[in-house]
Amino acid sequence: MRLLFLDEAARLDARSIATLFELCERLQMQLIIAAPENISPEKGTTYKLVRKVFQNTEHVHVVGLRGFAPQLPETLPGTDEAPSQAS
């Protein structure tokens, strides 16, 4: 699997972020973003890492968020073809 790493995603608007997600889906790449909280998972899983210091000990809390977009079917009923993506 190929990976795409992106830092400073806070500078991207929602349309640019959606374009990145689409690019990675089409090329079967995994996207890893250092991003602000304005990115919500529509597809796949987003992991949020929060670093906290408590009594001179550093802790990292990891929370996984599942995407909320419905999964497309593998094939259309009655056909052998997968549904096409609109551009």
PDB file of N, CA and C in Angstrom:
ATOM      1  N   MET A   1       0.845  -1.174   0.000  1.00  0.00           N
ATOM      2  CA  MET A   1       0.000   0.000   0.000  1.00  0.00           C
ATOM      3  C   MET A   1       0.890   1.236   0.000  1.00  0.00           C
ATOM      4  N   ARG A   2       0.509   2.199  -0.800  1.00  0.00           N
ATOM      5  CA  ARG A   2       1.240   3.464  -0.850  1.00  0.00           C
ATOM      6  C   ARG A   2       0.647   4.434   0.164  1.00  0.00           C
ATOM      7  N   LEU A   3       1.491   5.284   0.695  1.00  0.00           N
ATOM      8  CA  LEU A   3       1.072   6.260   1.697  1.00  0.00           C
ATOM      9  C   LEU A   3       1.282   7.669   1.173  1.00  0.00           C
ATOM     10  N   LEU A   4       0.393   8.573   1.543  1.00  0.00           N
ATOM     11  CA  LEU A   4       0.543   9.992   1.262  1.00  0.00           C
ATOM     12  C   LEU A   4       0.522  10.707   2.603  1.00  0.00           C
ATOM     13  N   PHE A   5       1.608  11.407   2.922  1.00  0.00           N
ATOM     14  CA  PHE A   5       1.716  12.145   4.177  1.00  0.00           C
ATOM     15  C   PHE A   5       1.498  13.625   3.896  1.00  0.00           C
ATOM     16  N   LEU A   6       0.741  14.287   4.759  1.00  0.00           N
ATOM     17  CA  LEU A   6       0.459  15.704   4.572  1.00  0.00           C
ATOM     18  C   LEU A   6       0.506  16.412   5.918  1.00  0.00           C
ATOM     19  N   ASP A   7       1.266  17.493   5.958  1.00  0.00           N
ATOM     20  CA  ASP A   7       1.334  18.326   7.157  1.00  0.00           C
ATOM     21  C   ASP A   7       0.693  19.671   6.820  1.00  0.00           C
ATOM     22  N   GLU A   8       0.379  20.457   7.812  1.00  0.00           N
ATOM     23  CA  GLU A   8      -0.215  21.779   7.629  1.00  0.00           C
ATOM     24  C   GLU A   8      -1.547  21.715   6.884  1.00  0.00           C
ATOM     25  N   ALA A   9      -2.354  20.732   7.171  1.00  0.00           N
ATOM     26  CA  ALA A   9      -3.654  20.603   6.514  1.00  0.00           C
ATOM     27  C   ALA A   9      -4.624  21.700   6.950  1.00  0.00           C
ATOM     28  N   ALA A  10      -4.294  22.445   7.974  1.00  0.00           N
ATOM     29  CA  ALA A  10      -5.152  23.537   8.427  1.00  0.00           C
ATOM     30  C   ALA A  10      -5.314  24.599   7.347  1.00  0.00           C
ATOM     31  N   ARG A  11      -4.392  24.650   6.409  1.00  0.00           N
ATOM     32  CA  ARG A  11      -4.453  25.648   5.340  1.00  0.00           C
ATOM     33  C   ARG A  11      -5.394  25.245   4.213  1.00  0.00           C
ATOM     34  N   LEU A  12      -5.891  24.016   4.238  1.00  0.00           N
ATOM     35  CA  LEU A  12      -6.767  23.523   3.175  1.00  0.00           C
ATOM     36  C   LEU A  12      -8.232  23.765   3.523  1.00  0.00           C
ATOM     37  N   ASP A  13      -9.015  24.102   2.501  1.00  0.00           N
ATOM     38  CA  ASP A  13     -10.455  24.232   2.715  1.00  0.00           C
ATOM     39  C   ASP A  13     -11.125  22.868   2.543  1.00  0.00           C
ATOM     40  N   ALA A  14     -12.406  22.808   2.811  1.00  0.00           N
ATOM     41  CA  ALA A  14     -13.137  21.533   2.771  1.00  0.00           C
ATOM     42  C   ALA A  14     -13.084  20.891   1.392  1.00  0.00           C
ATOM     43  N   ARG A  15     -13.151  21.687   0.338  1.00  0.00           N
ATOM     44  CA  ARG A  15     -13.116  21.139  -1.026  1.00  0.00           C
ATOM     45  C   ARG A  15     -11.763  20.505  -1.325  1.00  0.00           C
ATOM     46  N   SER A  16     -10.685  21.146  -0.900  1.00  0.00           N
ATOM     47  CA  SER A  16      -9.342  20.599  -1.113  1.00  0.00           C
ATOM     48  C   SER A  16      -9.150  19.293  -0.353  1.00  0.00           C
ATOM     49  N   ILE A  17      -9.663  19.233   0.844  1.00  0.00           N
ATOM     50  CA  ILE A  17      -9.556  18.012   1.644  1.00  0.00           C
ATOM     51  C   ILE A  17     -10.348  16.884   0.988  1.00  0.00           C
ATOM     52  N   ALA A  18     -11.546  17.207   0.485  1.00  0.00           N
ATOM     53  CA  ALA A  18     -12.353  16.200  -0.217  1.00  0.00           C
ATOM     54  C   ALA A  18     -11.623  15.693  -1.455  1.00  0.00           C
ATOM     55  N   THR A  19     -10.918  16.587  -2.151  1.00  0.00           N
ATOM     56  CA  THR A  19     -10.136  16.188  -3.327  1.00  0.00           C
ATOM     57  C   THR A  19      -9.023  15.230  -2.932  1.00  0.00           C
ATOM     58  N   LEU A  20      -8.368  15.484  -1.812  1.00  0.00           N
ATOM     59  CA  LEU A  20      -7.326  14.577  -1.319  1.00  0.00           C
ATOM     60  C   LEU A  20      -7.895  13.197  -1.014  1.00  0.00           C
ATOM     61  N   PHE A  21      -9.050  13.163  -0.349  1.00  0.00           N
ATOM     62  CA  PHE A  21      -9.684  11.880  -0.043  1.00  0.00           C
ATOM     63  C   PHE A  21     -10.015  11.121  -1.325  1.00  0.00           C
ATOM     64  N   GLU A  22     -10.551  11.825  -2.318  1.00  0.00           N
ATOM     65  CA  GLU A  22     -10.907  11.182  -3.585  1.00  0.00           C
ATOM     66  C   GLU A  22      -9.667  10.664  -4.306  1.00  0.00           C
ATOM     67  N   LEU A  23      -8.604  11.460  -4.329  1.00  0.00           N
ATOM     68  CA  LEU A  23      -7.351  11.042  -4.966  1.00  0.00           C
ATOM     69  C   LEU A  23      -6.834   9.755  -4.334  1.00  0.00           C
ATOM     70  N   CYS A  24      -6.804   9.724  -3.019  1.00  0.00           N
ATOM     71  CA  CYS A  24      -6.291   8.543  -2.323  1.00  0.00           C
ATOM     72  C   CYS A  24      -7.176   7.326  -2.549  1.00  0.00           C
ATOM     73  N   GLU A  25      -8.470   7.540  -2.624  1.00  0.00           N
ATOM     74  CA  GLU A  25      -9.373   6.416  -2.885  1.00  0.00           C
ATOM     75  C   GLU A  25      -9.149   5.863  -4.287  1.00  0.00           C
ATOM     76  N   ARG A  26      -9.026   6.747  -5.264  1.00  0.00           N
ATOM     77  CA  ARG A  26      -8.837   6.301  -6.654  1.00  0.00           C
ATOM     78  C   ARG A  26      -7.503   5.594  -6.859  1.00  0.00           C
ATOM     79  N   LEU A  27      -6.471   6.067  -6.181  1.00  0.00           N
ATOM     80  CA  LEU A  27      -5.137   5.480  -6.338  1.00  0.00           C
ATOM     81  C   LEU A  27      -4.850   4.405  -5.294  1.00  0.00           C
ATOM     82  N   GLN A  28      -5.845   4.086  -4.476  1.00  0.00           N
ATOM     83  CA  GLN A  28      -5.714   3.085  -3.419  1.00  0.00           C
ATOM     84  C   GLN A  28      -4.521   3.395  -2.512  1.00  0.00           C
ATOM     85  N   MET A  29      -4.495   4.632  -2.043  1.00  0.00           N
ATOM     86  CA  MET A  29      -3.445   5.097  -1.144  1.00  0.00           C
ATOM     87  C   MET A  29      -4.049   5.352   0.228  1.00  0.00           C
ATOM     88  N   GLN A  30      -3.212   5.275   1.240  1.00  0.00           N
ATOM     89  CA  GLN A  30      -3.637   5.631   2.585  1.00  0.00           C
ATOM     90  C   GLN A  30      -3.155   7.046   2.847  1.00  0.00           C
ATOM     91  N   LEU A  31      -4.041   7.890   3.328  1.00  0.00           N
ATOM     92  CA  LEU A  31      -3.733   9.289   3.589  1.00  0.00           C
ATOM     93  C   LEU A  31      -3.471   9.478   5.078  1.00  0.00           C
ATOM     94  N   ILE A  32      -2.331  10.059   5.395  1.00  0.00           N
ATOM     95  CA  ILE A  32      -1.981  10.367   6.785  1.00  0.00           C
ATOM     96  C   ILE A  32      -1.795  11.877   6.863  1.00  0.00           C
ATOM     97  N   ILE A  33      -2.631  12.532   7.682  1.00  0.00           N
ATOM     98  CA  ILE A  33      -2.654  13.991   7.744  1.00  0.00           C
ATOM     99  C   ILE A  33      -2.407  14.460   9.171  1.00  0.00           C
ATOM    100  N   ALA A  34      -1.527  15.442   9.307  1.00  0.00           N
ATOM    101  CA  ALA A  34      -1.435  16.186  10.560  1.00  0.00           C
ATOM    102  C   ALA A  34      -2.423  17.332  10.383  1.00  0.00           C
ATOM    103  N   ALA A  35      -3.585  17.187  11.004  1.00  0.00           N
ATOM    104  CA  ALA A  35      -4.686  18.086  10.669  1.00  0.00           C
ATOM    105  C   ALA A  35      -5.345  18.677  11.903  1.00  0.00           C
ATOM    106  N   PRO A  36      -6.020  19.780  11.682  1.00  0.00           N
ATOM    107  CA  PRO A  36      -6.810  20.368  12.766  1.00  0.00           C
ATOM    108  C   PRO A  36      -8.109  19.590  12.932  1.00  0.00           C
ATOM    109  N   GLU A  37      -8.936  20.040  13.840  1.00  0.00           N
ATOM    110  CA  GLU A  37     -10.183  19.332  14.123  1.00  0.00           C
ATOM    111  C   GLU A  37     -11.275  19.597  13.098  1.00  0.00           C
ATOM    112  N   ASN A  38     -11.014  20.419  12.078  1.00  0.00           N
ATOM    113  CA  ASN A  38     -12.065  20.711  11.105  1.00  0.00           C
ATOM    114  C   ASN A  38     -12.227  19.614  10.060  1.00  0.00           C
ATOM    115  N   ILE A  39     -11.451  18.543  10.150  1.00  0.00           N
ATOM    116  CA  ILE A  39     -11.582  17.435   9.213  1.00  0.00           C
ATOM    117  C   ILE A  39     -12.349  16.323   9.913  1.00  0.00           C
ATOM    118  N   SER A  40     -13.496  15.975   9.342  1.00  0.00           N
ATOM    119  CA  SER A  40     -14.282  14.885   9.924  1.00  0.00           C
ATOM    120  C   SER A  40     -14.289  13.714   8.957  1.00  0.00           C
ATOM    121  N   PRO A  41     -14.315  12.515   9.481  1.00  0.00           N
ATOM    122  CA  PRO A  41     -14.237  11.344   8.610  1.00  0.00           C
ATOM    123  C   PRO A  41     -15.560  11.053   7.913  1.00  0.00           C
ATOM    124  N   GLU A  42     -15.566  11.130   6.588  1.00  0.00           N
ATOM    125  CA  GLU A  42     -16.739  10.706   5.829  1.00  0.00           C
ATOM    126  C   GLU A  42     -16.585   9.250   5.431  1.00  0.00           C
ATOM    127  N   LYS A  43     -15.349   8.844   5.190  1.00  0.00           N
ATOM    128  CA  LYS A  43     -15.060   7.468   4.800  1.00  0.00           C
ATOM    129  C   LYS A  43     -13.874   6.993   5.620  1.00  0.00           C
ATOM    130  N   GLY A  44     -13.731   5.698   5.713  1.00  0.00           N
ATOM    131  CA  GLY A  44     -12.580   5.146   6.411  1.00  0.00           C
ATOM    132  C   GLY A  44     -12.628   5.434   7.895  1.00  0.00           C
ATOM    133  N   THR A  45     -11.479   5.450   8.511  1.00  0.00           N
ATOM    134  CA  THR A  45     -11.363   5.701   9.944  1.00  0.00           C
ATOM    135  C   THR A  45     -10.352   6.809  10.172  1.00  0.00           C
ATOM    136  N   THR A  46     -10.702   7.747  11.021  1.00  0.00           N
ATOM    137  CA  THR A  46      -9.800   8.830  11.390  1.00  0.00           C
ATOM    138  C   THR A  46      -9.395   8.620  12.841  1.00  0.00           C
ATOM    139  N   TYR A  47      -8.096   8.694  13.103  1.00  0.00           N
ATOM    140  CA  TYR A  47      -7.596   8.560  14.469  1.00  0.00           C
ATOM    141  C   TYR A  47      -7.143   9.919  14.962  1.00  0.00           C
ATOM    142  N   LYS A  48      -7.598  10.281  16.127  1.00  0.00           N
ATOM    143  CA  LYS A  48      -7.234  11.551  16.737  1.00  0.00           C
ATOM    144  C   LYS A  48      -6.290  11.251  17.891  1.00  0.00           C
ATOM    145  N   LEU A  49      -5.108  11.859  17.852  1.00  0.00           N
ATOM    146  CA  LEU A  49      -4.126  11.682  18.918  1.00  0.00           C
ATOM    147  C   LEU A  49      -4.023  12.983  19.703  1.00  0.00           C
ATOM    148  N   VAL A  50      -4.199  12.895  21.004  1.00  0.00           N
ATOM    149  CA  VAL A  50      -4.112  14.064  21.875  1.00  0.00           C
ATOM    150  C   VAL A  50      -3.041  13.801  22.914  1.00  0.00           C
ATOM    151  N   ARG A  51      -2.041  14.678  22.956  1.00  0.00           N
ATOM    152  CA  ARG A  51      -0.942  14.524  23.911  1.00  0.00           C
ATOM    153  C   ARG A  51      -1.230  15.392  25.128  1.00  0.00           C
ATOM    154  N   LYS A  52      -1.150  14.788  26.303  1.00  0.00           N
ATOM    155  CA  LYS A  52      -1.385  15.504  27.557  1.00  0.00           C
ATOM    156  C   LYS A  52      -0.261  15.201  28.529  1.00  0.00           C
ATOM    157  N   VAL A  53       0.077  16.188  29.351  1.00  0.00           N
ATOM    158  CA  VAL A  53       1.079  15.997  30.398  1.00  0.00           C
ATOM    159  C   VAL A  53       0.357  16.078  31.737  1.00  0.00           C
ATOM    160  N   PHE A  54       0.520  15.026  32.542  1.00  0.00           N
ATOM    161  CA  PHE A  54      -0.115  14.961  33.850  1.00  0.00           C
ATOM    162  C   PHE A  54       0.935  14.532  34.858  1.00  0.00           C
ATOM    163  N   GLN A  55       1.224  15.390  35.823  1.00  0.00           N
ATOM    164  CA  GLN A  55       2.227  15.132  36.860  1.00  0.00           C
ATOM    165  C   GLN A  55       3.568  14.714  36.241  1.00  0.00           C
ATOM    166  N   ASN A  56       4.051  15.521  35.318  1.00  0.00           N
ATOM    167  CA  ASN A  56       5.342  15.314  34.636  1.00  0.00           C
ATOM    168  C   ASN A  56       5.418  14.016  33.835  1.00  0.00           C
ATOM    169  N   THR A  57       4.289  13.418  33.535  1.00  0.00           N
ATOM    170  CA  THR A  57       4.253  12.222  32.696  1.00  0.00           C
ATOM    171  C   THR A  57       3.404  12.525  31.468  1.00  0.00           C
ATOM    172  N   GLU A  58       3.968  12.221  30.309  1.00  0.00           N
ATOM    173  CA  GLU A  58       3.254  12.487  29.067  1.00  0.00           C
ATOM    174  C   GLU A  58       2.396  11.288  28.677  1.00  0.00           C
ATOM    175  N   HIS A  59       1.153  11.565  28.313  1.00  0.00           N
ATOM    176  CA  HIS A  59       0.214  10.530  27.887  1.00  0.00           C
ATOM    177  C   HIS A  59      -0.316  10.893  26.507  1.00  0.00           C
ATOM    178  N   VAL A  60      -0.551   9.886  25.679  1.00  0.00           N
ATOM    179  CA  VAL A  60      -1.172  10.102  24.375  1.00  0.00           C
ATOM    180  C   VAL A  60      -2.479   9.320  24.348  1.00  0.00           C
ATOM    181  N   HIS A  61      -3.558  10.050  24.132  1.00  0.00           N
ATOM    182  CA  HIS A  61      -4.882   9.440  24.024  1.00  0.00           C
ATOM    183  C   HIS A  61      -5.208   9.278  22.543  1.00  0.00           C
ATOM    184  N   VAL A  62      -5.628   8.087  22.150  1.00  0.00           N
ATOM    185  CA  VAL A  62      -5.975   7.804  20.761  1.00  0.00           C
ATOM    186  C   VAL A  62      -7.462   7.475  20.688  1.00  0.00           C
ATOM    187  N   VAL A  63      -8.158   8.191  19.812  1.00  0.00           N
ATOM    188  CA  VAL A  63      -9.585   7.970  19.615  1.00  0.00           C
ATOM    189  C   VAL A  63      -9.815   7.706  18.132  1.00  0.00           C
ATOM    190  N   GLY A  64     -10.495   6.612  17.814  1.00  0.00           N
ATOM    191  CA  GLY A  64     -10.807   6.290  16.420  1.00  0.00           C
ATOM    192  C   GLY A  64     -12.224   6.704  16.080  1.00  0.00           C
ATOM    193  N   LEU A  65     -12.382   7.388  14.945  1.00  0.00           N
ATOM    194  CA  LEU A  65     -13.689   7.835  14.481  1.00  0.00           C
ATOM    195  C   LEU A  65     -13.992   7.172  13.142  1.00  0.00           C
ATOM    196  N   ARG A  66     -15.076   6.414  13.072  1.00  0.00           N
ATOM    197  CA  ARG A  66     -15.480   5.751  11.831  1.00  0.00           C
ATOM    198  C   ARG A  66     -16.187   6.744  10.925  1.00  0.00           C
ATOM    199  N   GLY A  67     -15.975   6.608   9.635  1.00  0.00           N
ATOM    200  CA  GLY A  67     -16.658   7.452   8.662  1.00  0.00           C
ATOM    201  C   GLY A  67     -18.156   7.229   8.680  1.00  0.00           C
ATOM    202  N   PHE A  68     -18.902   8.265   8.310  1.00  0.00           N
ATOM    203  CA  PHE A  68     -20.350   8.178   8.362  1.00  0.00           C
ATOM    204  C   PHE A  68     -20.992   8.043   6.989  1.00  0.00           C
ATOM    205  N   ALA A  69     -20.217   8.107   5.896  1.00  0.00           N
ATOM    206  CA  ALA A  69     -20.780   7.961   4.552  1.00  0.00           C
ATOM    207  C   ALA A  69     -21.155   6.504   4.314  1.00  0.00           C
ATOM    208  N   PRO A  70     -22.296   6.267   3.652  1.00  0.00           N
ATOM    209  CA  PRO A  70     -22.688   4.875   3.381  1.00  0.00           C
ATOM    210  C   PRO A  70     -21.736   4.230   2.385  1.00  0.00           C
ATOM    211  N   GLN A  71     -21.470   2.946   2.581  1.00  0.00           N
ATOM    212  CA  GLN A  71     -20.608   2.196   1.674  1.00  0.00           C
ATOM    213  C   GLN A  71     -21.360   1.914   0.383  1.00  0.00           C
ATOM    214  N   LEU A  72     -20.681   2.066  -0.760  1.00  0.00           N
ATOM    215  CA  LEU A  72     -21.266   1.707  -2.041  1.00  0.00           C
ATOM    216  C   LEU A  72     -21.227   0.198  -2.196  1.00  0.00           C
ATOM    217  N   PRO A  73     -22.227  -0.386  -2.854  1.00  0.00           N
ATOM    218  CA  PRO A  73     -22.192  -1.837  -3.057  1.00  0.00           C
ATOM    219  C   PRO A  73     -21.066  -2.218  -4.003  1.00  0.00           C
ATOM    220  N   GLU A  74     -20.551  -3.439  -3.828  1.00  0.00           N
ATOM    221  CA  GLU A  74     -19.480  -3.942  -4.692  1.00  0.00           C
ATOM    222  C   GLU A  74     -19.942  -3.997  -6.142  1.00  0.00           C
ATOM    223  N   THR A  75     -21.154  -4.488  -6.375  1.00  0.00           N
ATOM    224  CA  THR A  75     -21.726  -4.552  -7.719  1.00  0.00           C
ATOM    225  C   THR A  75     -23.179  -4.134  -7.653  1.00  0.00           C
ATOM    226  N   LEU A  76     -23.691  -3.665  -8.780  1.00  0.00           N
ATOM    227  CA  LEU A  76     -25.099  -3.310  -8.848  1.00  0.00           C
ATOM    228  C   LEU A  76     -25.931  -4.577  -8.970  1.00  0.00           C
ATOM    229  N   PRO A  77     -27.082  -4.624  -8.346  1.00  0.00           N
ATOM    230  CA  PRO A  77     -27.923  -5.815  -8.455  1.00  0.00           C
ATOM    231  C   PRO A  77     -28.269  -6.108  -9.916  1.00  0.00           C
ATOM    232  N   GLY A  78     -28.103  -7.359 -10.334  1.00  0.00           N
ATOM    233  CA  GLY A  78     -28.435  -7.767 -11.683  1.00  0.00           C
ATOM    234  C   GLY A  78     -27.372  -7.484 -12.722  1.00  0.00           C
ATOM    235  N   THR A  79     -26.204  -6.953 -12.298  1.00  0.00           N
ATOM    236  CA  THR A  79     -25.115  -6.675 -13.238  1.00  0.00           C
ATOM    237  C   THR A  79     -23.826  -7.235 -12.686  1.00  0.00           C
ATOM    238  N   ASP A  80     -22.814  -7.262 -13.533  1.00  0.00           N
ATOM    239  CA  ASP A  80     -21.488  -7.697 -13.098  1.00  0.00           C
ATOM    240  C   ASP A  80     -20.540  -6.526 -12.939  1.00  0.00           C
ATOM    241  N   GLU A  81     -21.051  -5.297 -13.103  1.00  0.00           N
ATOM    242  CA  GLU A  81     -20.197  -4.120 -13.059  1.00  0.00           C
ATOM    243  C   GLU A  81     -20.377  -3.382 -11.747  1.00  0.00           C
ATOM    244  N   ALA A  82     -19.270  -2.806 -11.280  1.00  0.00           N
ATOM    245  CA  ALA A  82     -19.326  -1.971 -10.089  1.00  0.00           C
ATOM    246  C   ALA A  82     -19.899  -0.622 -10.485  1.00  0.00           C
ATOM    247  N   PRO A  83     -20.546   0.102  -9.567  1.00  0.00           N
ATOM    248  CA  PRO A  83     -21.092   1.413  -9.890  1.00  0.00           C
ATOM    249  C   PRO A  83     -19.977   2.390 -10.218  1.00  0.00           C
ATOM    250  N   SER A  84     -20.235   3.290 -11.164  1.00  0.00           N
ATOM    251  CA  SER A  84     -19.217   4.275 -11.546  1.00  0.00           C
ATOM    252  C   SER A  84     -19.303   5.457 -10.610  1.00  0.00           C
ATOM    253  N   GLN A  85     -18.175   6.102 -10.408  1.00  0.00           N
ATOM    254  CA  GLN A  85     -18.102   7.276  -9.554  1.00  0.00           C
ATOM    255  C   GLN A  85     -18.363   8.513 -10.393  1.00  0.00           C
ATOM    256  N   ALA A  86     -19.174   9.429  -9.907  1.00  0.00           N
ATOM    257  CA  ALA A  86     -19.401  10.687 -10.616  1.00  0.00           C
ATOM    258  C   ALA A  86     -18.216  11.599 -10.396  1.00  0.00           C
ATOM    259  N   SER A  87     -17.848  12.338 -11.425  1.00  0.00           N
ATOM    260  CA  SER A  87     -16.712  13.259 -11.310  1.00  0.00           C
ATOM    261  C   SER A  87     -17.187  14.652 -11.058  1.00  0.00           C
TER     262      SER A  87
END
